[in-house]
Amino acid sequence: MRRQQLIGRVVETFYLAGPQGLVLSLRHPKRDLRAFFPAHARQLEAFAQQQHLRFTSARDLCLLLTQLNAWLP
């Protein structure tokens, strides 16, 4: 996670590391995760809604990715 300050506003940038060492920037975490994991997109959104998690919070995003890892084979 990297923070940038733009005119009094903090913008957090999240990154996702893949198994082959590939690092992807999550500029729009909700949209990007749906694109990277289309088979689990609806399931992930439903989980986020049930647990009241936001895709823009570092803590919540960590919980979402932990759950996503549990669903992956």
PDB file of N, CA and C in Angstrom:
ATOM      1  N   MET A   1       0.850  -1.170   0.000  1.00  0.00           N
ATOM      2  CA  MET A   1       0.000   0.000   0.000  1.00  0.00           C
ATOM      3  C   MET A   1       0.893   1.229   0.000  1.00  0.00           C
ATOM      4  N   ARG A   2       0.558   2.172  -0.817  1.00  0.00           N
ATOM      5  CA  ARG A   2       1.296   3.427  -0.902  1.00  0.00           C
ATOM      6  C   ARG A   2       0.303   4.565  -0.753  1.00  0.00           C
ATOM      7  N   ARG A   3       0.679   5.584  -0.006  1.00  0.00           N
ATOM      8  CA  ARG A   3      -0.205   6.736   0.181  1.00  0.00           C
ATOM      9  C   ARG A   3       0.360   7.931  -0.553  1.00  0.00           C
ATOM     10  N   GLN A   4      -0.524   8.657  -1.187  1.00  0.00           N
ATOM     11  CA  GLN A   4      -0.153   9.894  -1.855  1.00  0.00           C
ATOM     12  C   GLN A   4      -1.066  10.985  -1.334  1.00  0.00           C
ATOM     13  N   GLN A   5      -0.521  12.160  -1.159  1.00  0.00           N
ATOM     14  CA  GLN A   5      -1.356  13.260  -0.704  1.00  0.00           C
ATOM     15  C   GLN A   5      -1.548  14.227  -1.862  1.00  0.00           C
ATOM     16  N   LEU A   6      -2.796  14.426  -2.214  1.00  0.00           N
ATOM     17  CA  LEU A   6      -3.144  15.327  -3.301  1.00  0.00           C
ATOM     18  C   LEU A   6      -4.063  16.409  -2.756  1.00  0.00           C
ATOM     19  N   ILE A   7      -3.549  17.577  -2.602  1.00  0.00           N
ATOM     20  CA  ILE A   7      -4.328  18.731  -2.154  1.00  0.00           C
ATOM     21  C   ILE A   7      -5.176  18.382  -0.928  1.00  0.00           C
ATOM     22  N   GLY A   8      -4.531  17.918   0.119  1.00  0.00           N
ATOM     23  CA  GLY A   8      -5.225  17.634   1.364  1.00  0.00           C
ATOM     24  C   GLY A   8      -6.012  16.338   1.383  1.00  0.00           C
ATOM     25  N   ARG A   9      -5.903  15.537   0.357  1.00  0.00           N
ATOM     26  CA  ARG A   9      -6.646  14.280   0.289  1.00  0.00           C
ATOM     27  C   ARG A   9      -5.660  13.124   0.168  1.00  0.00           C
ATOM     28  N   VAL A  10      -5.840  12.096   0.958  1.00  0.00           N
ATOM     29  CA  VAL A  10      -4.958  10.936   0.914  1.00  0.00           C
ATOM     30  C   VAL A  10      -5.568   9.895  -0.016  1.00  0.00           C
ATOM     31  N   VAL A  11      -4.772   9.449  -0.972  1.00  0.00           N
ATOM     32  CA  VAL A  11      -5.206   8.423  -1.912  1.00  0.00           C
ATOM     33  C   VAL A  11      -4.353   7.186  -1.664  1.00  0.00           C
ATOM     34  N   GLU A  12      -4.992   6.077  -1.345  1.00  0.00           N
ATOM     35  CA  GLU A  12      -4.263   4.841  -1.105  1.00  0.00           C
ATOM     36  C   GLU A  12      -4.231   4.017  -2.385  1.00  0.00           C
ATOM     37  N   THR A  13      -3.072   3.460  -2.672  1.00  0.00           N
ATOM     38  CA  THR A  13      -2.913   2.583  -3.820  1.00  0.00           C
ATOM     39  C   THR A  13      -2.610   1.191  -3.295  1.00  0.00           C
ATOM     40  N   PHE A  14      -3.381   0.212  -3.734  1.00  0.00           N
ATOM     41  CA  PHE A  14      -3.205  -1.162  -3.287  1.00  0.00           C
ATOM     42  C   PHE A  14      -2.585  -1.986  -4.407  1.00  0.00           C
ATOM     43  N   TYR A  15      -1.855  -3.022  -4.005  1.00  0.00           N
ATOM     44  CA  TYR A  15      -1.205  -3.909  -4.963  1.00  0.00           C
ATOM     45  C   TYR A  15      -1.555  -5.348  -4.626  1.00  0.00           C
ATOM     46  N   LEU A  16      -1.616  -6.180  -5.656  1.00  0.00           N
ATOM     47  CA  LEU A  16      -1.911  -7.596  -5.499  1.00  0.00           C
ATOM     48  C   LEU A  16      -0.746  -8.373  -6.090  1.00  0.00           C
ATOM     49  N   ALA A  17      -0.162  -9.267  -5.302  1.00  0.00           N
ATOM     50  CA  ALA A  17       0.965 -10.075  -5.765  1.00  0.00           C
ATOM     51  C   ALA A  17       0.465 -11.450  -6.180  1.00  0.00           C
ATOM     52  N   GLY A  18       0.855 -11.872  -7.360  1.00  0.00           N
ATOM     53  CA  GLY A  18       0.464 -13.176  -7.874  1.00  0.00           C
ATOM     54  C   GLY A  18       1.489 -14.239  -7.542  1.00  0.00           C
ATOM     55  N   PRO A  19       1.152 -15.491  -7.806  1.00  0.00           N
ATOM     56  CA  PRO A  19       2.049 -16.596  -7.445  1.00  0.00           C
ATOM     57  C   PRO A  19       3.352 -16.632  -8.246  1.00  0.00           C
ATOM     58  N   GLN A  20       3.365 -16.097  -9.447  1.00  0.00           N
ATOM     59  CA  GLN A  20       4.577 -16.109 -10.263  1.00  0.00           C
ATOM     60  C   GLN A  20       5.399 -14.830 -10.086  1.00  0.00           C
ATOM     61  N   GLY A  21       5.121 -14.067  -9.054  1.00  0.00           N
ATOM     62  CA  GLY A  21       5.863 -12.842  -8.803  1.00  0.00           C
ATOM     63  C   GLY A  21       5.295 -11.625  -9.509  1.00  0.00           C
ATOM     64  N   LEU A  22       4.184 -11.792 -10.181  1.00  0.00           N
ATOM     65  CA  LEU A  22       3.533 -10.685 -10.870  1.00  0.00           C
ATOM     66  C   LEU A  22       2.861  -9.775  -9.840  1.00  0.00           C
ATOM     67  N   VAL A  23       3.078  -8.484  -9.946  1.00  0.00           N
ATOM     68  CA  VAL A  23       2.469  -7.519  -9.032  1.00  0.00           C
ATOM     69  C   VAL A  23       1.525  -6.636  -9.835  1.00  0.00           C
ATOM     70  N   LEU A  24       0.274  -6.584  -9.393  1.00  0.00           N
ATOM     71  CA  LEU A  24      -0.750  -5.811 -10.088  1.00  0.00           C
ATOM     72  C   LEU A  24      -1.220  -4.661  -9.206  1.00  0.00           C
ATOM     73  N   SER A  25      -1.385  -3.518  -9.800  1.00  0.00           N
ATOM     74  CA  SER A  25      -1.900  -2.359  -9.082  1.00  0.00           C
ATOM     75  C   SER A  25      -3.425  -2.421  -9.076  1.00  0.00           C
ATOM     76  N   LEU A  26      -4.008  -2.218  -7.919  1.00  0.00           N
ATOM     77  CA  LEU A  26      -5.467  -2.179  -7.801  1.00  0.00           C
ATOM     78  C   LEU A  26      -5.893  -0.716  -7.747  1.00  0.00           C
ATOM     79  N   ARG A  27      -6.005  -0.099  -8.906  1.00  0.00           N
ATOM     80  CA  ARG A  27      -6.391   1.311  -8.955  1.00  0.00           C
ATOM     81  C   ARG A  27      -7.846   1.483  -8.542  1.00  0.00           C
ATOM     82  N   HIS A  28      -8.674   0.546  -8.934  1.00  0.00           N
ATOM     83  CA  HIS A  28     -10.087   0.512  -8.552  1.00  0.00           C
ATOM     84  C   HIS A  28     -10.332  -0.891  -8.003  1.00  0.00           C
ATOM     85  N   PRO A  29     -10.096  -1.097  -6.708  1.00  0.00           N
ATOM     86  CA  PRO A  29     -10.085  -2.449  -6.144  1.00  0.00           C
ATOM     87  C   PRO A  29     -11.317  -3.300  -6.461  1.00  0.00           C
ATOM     88  N   LYS A  30     -12.496  -2.750  -6.350  1.00  0.00           N
ATOM     89  CA  LYS A  30     -13.696  -3.552  -6.600  1.00  0.00           C
ATOM     90  C   LYS A  30     -13.750  -4.009  -8.051  1.00  0.00           C
ATOM     91  N   ARG A  31     -13.548  -3.092  -8.958  1.00  0.00           N
ATOM     92  CA  ARG A  31     -13.592  -3.417 -10.387  1.00  0.00           C
ATOM     93  C   ARG A  31     -12.433  -4.335 -10.778  1.00  0.00           C
ATOM     94  N   ASP A  32     -11.254  -4.064 -10.254  1.00  0.00           N
ATOM     95  CA  ASP A  32     -10.084  -4.865 -10.606  1.00  0.00           C
ATOM     96  C   ASP A  32     -10.194  -6.298 -10.085  1.00  0.00           C
ATOM     97  N   LEU A  33     -10.673  -6.471  -8.868  1.00  0.00           N
ATOM     98  CA  LEU A  33     -10.821  -7.826  -8.330  1.00  0.00           C
ATOM     99  C   LEU A  33     -11.869  -8.614  -9.105  1.00  0.00           C
ATOM    100  N   ARG A  34     -12.942  -7.947  -9.520  1.00  0.00           N
ATOM    101  CA  ARG A  34     -13.945  -8.630 -10.358  1.00  0.00           C
ATOM    102  C   ARG A  34     -13.322  -9.077 -11.672  1.00  0.00           C
ATOM    103  N   ALA A  35     -12.449  -8.255 -12.237  1.00  0.00           N
ATOM    104  CA  ALA A  35     -11.808  -8.601 -13.511  1.00  0.00           C
ATOM    105  C   ALA A  35     -10.785  -9.726 -13.343  1.00  0.00           C
ATOM    106  N   PHE A  36     -10.036  -9.721 -12.248  1.00  0.00           N
ATOM    107  CA  PHE A  36      -9.004 -10.734 -12.026  1.00  0.00           C
ATOM    108  C   PHE A  36      -9.592 -12.082 -11.619  1.00  0.00           C
ATOM    109  N   PHE A  37     -10.739 -12.065 -10.935  1.00  0.00           N
ATOM    110  CA  PHE A  37     -11.361 -13.296 -10.444  1.00  0.00           C
ATOM    111  C   PHE A  37     -12.835 -13.344 -10.842  1.00  0.00           C
ATOM    112  N   PRO A  38     -13.128 -13.437 -12.134  1.00  0.00           N
ATOM    113  CA  PRO A  38     -14.528 -13.378 -12.581  1.00  0.00           C
ATOM    114  C   PRO A  38     -15.388 -14.525 -12.051  1.00  0.00           C
ATOM    115  N   ALA A  39     -14.797 -15.675 -11.795  1.00  0.00           N
ATOM    116  CA  ALA A  39     -15.567 -16.816 -11.296  1.00  0.00           C
ATOM    117  C   ALA A  39     -16.078 -16.588  -9.873  1.00  0.00           C
ATOM    118  N   HIS A  40     -15.429 -15.710  -9.136  1.00  0.00           N
ATOM    119  CA  HIS A  40     -15.809 -15.460  -7.744  1.00  0.00           C
ATOM    120  C   HIS A  40     -16.323 -14.040  -7.519  1.00  0.00           C
ATOM    121  N   ALA A  41     -16.576 -13.304  -8.583  1.00  0.00           N
ATOM    122  CA  ALA A  41     -16.960 -11.894  -8.464  1.00  0.00           C
ATOM    123  C   ALA A  41     -18.246 -11.711  -7.662  1.00  0.00           C
ATOM    124  N   ARG A  42     -19.283 -12.433  -8.025  1.00  0.00           N
ATOM    125  CA  ARG A  42     -20.566 -12.284  -7.313  1.00  0.00           C
ATOM    126  C   ARG A  42     -20.457 -12.754  -5.870  1.00  0.00           C
ATOM    127  N   GLN A  43     -19.759 -13.843  -5.688  1.00  0.00           N
ATOM    128  CA  GLN A  43     -19.579 -14.398  -4.348  1.00  0.00           C
ATOM    129  C   GLN A  43     -18.817 -13.407  -3.460  1.00  0.00           C
ATOM    130  N   LEU A  44     -17.799 -12.775  -4.014  1.00  0.00           N
ATOM    131  CA  LEU A  44     -17.000 -11.811  -3.258  1.00  0.00           C
ATOM    132  C   LEU A  44     -17.821 -10.570  -2.902  1.00  0.00           C
ATOM    133  N   GLU A  45     -18.612 -10.088  -3.844  1.00  0.00           N
ATOM    134  CA  GLU A  45     -19.457  -8.924  -3.567  1.00  0.00           C
ATOM    135  C   GLU A  45     -20.525  -9.245  -2.521  1.00  0.00           C
ATOM    136  N   ALA A  46     -21.092 -10.443  -2.597  1.00  0.00           N
ATOM    137  CA  ALA A  46     -22.092 -10.849  -1.607  1.00  0.00           C
ATOM    138  C   ALA A  46     -21.458 -10.951  -0.219  1.00  0.00           C
ATOM    139  N   PHE A  47     -20.259 -11.506  -0.158  1.00  0.00           N
ATOM    140  CA  PHE A  47     -19.553 -11.614   1.119  1.00  0.00           C
ATOM    141  C   PHE A  47     -19.267 -10.226   1.692  1.00  0.00           C
ATOM    142  N   ALA A  48     -18.822  -9.319   0.842  1.00  0.00           N
ATOM    143  CA  ALA A  48     -18.526  -7.953   1.287  1.00  0.00           C
ATOM    144  C   ALA A  48     -19.783  -7.276   1.830  1.00  0.00           C
ATOM    145  N   GLN A  49     -20.890  -7.489   1.162  1.00  0.00           N
ATOM    146  CA  GLN A  49     -22.140  -6.870   1.603  1.00  0.00           C
ATOM    147  C   GLN A  49     -22.611  -7.477   2.926  1.00  0.00           C
ATOM    148  N   GLN A  50     -22.528  -8.790   3.058  1.00  0.00           N
ATOM    149  CA  GLN A  50     -22.960  -9.461   4.288  1.00  0.00           C
ATOM    150  C   GLN A  50     -22.121  -9.034   5.489  1.00  0.00           C
ATOM    151  N   GLN A  51     -20.829  -8.868   5.262  1.00  0.00           N
ATOM    152  CA  GLN A  51     -19.907  -8.535   6.351  1.00  0.00           C
ATOM    153  C   GLN A  51     -19.694  -7.027   6.509  1.00  0.00           C
ATOM    154  N   HIS A  52     -20.380  -6.234   5.690  1.00  0.00           N
ATOM    155  CA  HIS A  52     -20.260  -4.770   5.722  1.00  0.00           C
ATOM    156  C   HIS A  52     -18.810  -4.329   5.495  1.00  0.00           C
ATOM    157  N   LEU A  53     -18.195  -4.890   4.448  1.00  0.00           N
ATOM    158  CA  LEU A  53     -16.812  -4.572   4.114  1.00  0.00           C
ATOM    159  C   LEU A  53     -16.767  -3.664   2.894  1.00  0.00           C
ATOM    160  N   ARG A  54     -15.770  -2.791   2.877  1.00  0.00           N
ATOM    161  CA  ARG A  54     -15.583  -1.874   1.754  1.00  0.00           C
ATOM    162  C   ARG A  54     -14.320  -2.262   0.992  1.00  0.00           C
ATOM    163  N   PHE A  55     -14.351  -2.097  -0.296  1.00  0.00           N
ATOM    164  CA  PHE A  55     -13.209  -2.418  -1.137  1.00  0.00           C
ATOM    165  C   PHE A  55     -12.141  -1.325  -1.086  1.00  0.00           C
ATOM    166  N   THR A  56     -12.429  -0.218  -0.437  1.00  0.00           N
ATOM    167  CA  THR A  56     -11.490   0.901  -0.376  1.00  0.00           C
ATOM    168  C   THR A  56     -10.745   0.985   0.951  1.00  0.00           C
ATOM    169  N   SER A  57     -11.092   0.153   1.893  1.00  0.00           N
ATOM    170  CA  SER A  57     -10.426   0.135   3.194  1.00  0.00           C
ATOM    171  C   SER A  57      -9.333  -0.934   3.180  1.00  0.00           C
ATOM    172  N   ALA A  58      -8.147  -0.590   3.639  1.00  0.00           N
ATOM    173  CA  ALA A  58      -7.035  -1.544   3.646  1.00  0.00           C
ATOM    174  C   ALA A  58      -7.370  -2.770   4.490  1.00  0.00           C
ATOM    175  N   ARG A  59      -7.947  -2.556   5.650  1.00  0.00           N
ATOM    176  CA  ARG A  59      -8.309  -3.671   6.528  1.00  0.00           C
ATOM    177  C   ARG A  59      -9.363  -4.556   5.873  1.00  0.00           C
ATOM    178  N   ASP A  60     -10.396  -3.936   5.323  1.00  0.00           N
ATOM    179  CA  ASP A  60     -11.474  -4.692   4.691  1.00  0.00           C
ATOM    180  C   ASP A  60     -10.982  -5.431   3.453  1.00  0.00           C
ATOM    181  N   LEU A  61     -10.121  -4.793   2.689  1.00  0.00           N
ATOM    182  CA  LEU A  61      -9.580  -5.434   1.496  1.00  0.00           C
ATOM    183  C   LEU A  61      -8.754  -6.662   1.870  1.00  0.00           C
ATOM    184  N   CYS A  62      -8.040  -6.580   2.962  1.00  0.00           N
ATOM    185  CA  CYS A  62      -7.273  -7.727   3.454  1.00  0.00           C
ATOM    186  C   CYS A  62      -8.211  -8.881   3.812  1.00  0.00           C
ATOM    187  N   LEU A  63      -9.310  -8.576   4.472  1.00  0.00           N
ATOM    188  CA  LEU A  63     -10.288  -9.609   4.822  1.00  0.00           C
ATOM    189  C   LEU A  63     -10.930 -10.210   3.575  1.00  0.00           C
ATOM    190  N   LEU A  64     -11.220  -9.375   2.596  1.00  0.00           N
ATOM    191  CA  LEU A  64     -11.809  -9.869   1.347  1.00  0.00           C
ATOM    192  C   LEU A  64     -10.842 -10.794   0.607  1.00  0.00           C
ATOM    193  N   LEU A  65      -9.583 -10.423   0.565  1.00  0.00           N
ATOM    194  CA  LEU A  65      -8.594 -11.260  -0.118  1.00  0.00           C
ATOM    195  C   LEU A  65      -8.340 -12.561   0.632  1.00  0.00           C
ATOM    196  N   THR A  66      -8.410 -12.512   1.946  1.00  0.00           N
ATOM    197  CA  THR A  66      -8.269 -13.738   2.737  1.00  0.00           C
ATOM    198  C   THR A  66      -9.406 -14.698   2.414  1.00  0.00           C
ATOM    199  N   GLN A  67     -10.617 -14.174   2.334  1.00  0.00           N
ATOM    200  CA  GLN A  67     -11.766 -15.013   1.991  1.00  0.00           C
ATOM    201  C   GLN A  67     -11.646 -15.528   0.558  1.00  0.00           C
ATOM    202  N   LEU A  68     -11.202 -14.686  -0.342  1.00  0.00           N
ATOM    203  CA  LEU A  68     -11.024 -15.095  -1.734  1.00  0.00           C
ATOM    204  C   LEU A  68     -10.003 -16.222  -1.837  1.00  0.00           C
ATOM    205  N   ASN A  69      -8.927 -16.134  -1.087  1.00  0.00           N
ATOM    206  CA  ASN A  69      -7.924 -17.207  -1.079  1.00  0.00           C
ATOM    207  C   ASN A  69      -8.508 -18.516  -0.574  1.00  0.00           C
ATOM    208  N   ALA A  70      -9.443 -18.443   0.354  1.00  0.00           N
ATOM    209  CA  ALA A  70     -10.081 -19.652   0.871  1.00  0.00           C
ATOM    210  C   ALA A  70     -10.942 -20.323  -0.202  1.00  0.00           C
ATOM    211  N   TRP A  71     -11.506 -19.533  -1.104  1.00  0.00           N
ATOM    212  CA  TRP A  71     -12.356 -20.090  -2.158  1.00  0.00           C
ATOM    213  C   TRP A  71     -11.560 -20.647  -3.325  1.00  0.00           C
ATOM    214  N   LEU A  72     -10.341 -20.175  -3.509  1.00  0.00           N
ATOM    215  CA  LEU A  72      -9.537 -20.614  -4.654  1.00  0.00           C
ATOM    216  C   LEU A  72      -9.010 -22.025  -4.421  1.00  0.00           C
ATOM    217  N   PRO A  73      -8.893 -22.799  -5.497  1.00  0.00           N
ATOM    218  CA  PRO A  73      -8.394 -24.185  -5.348  1.00  0.00           C
ATOM    219  C   PRO A  73      -6.926 -24.235  -4.998  1.00  0.00           C
TER     220      PRO A  73
END
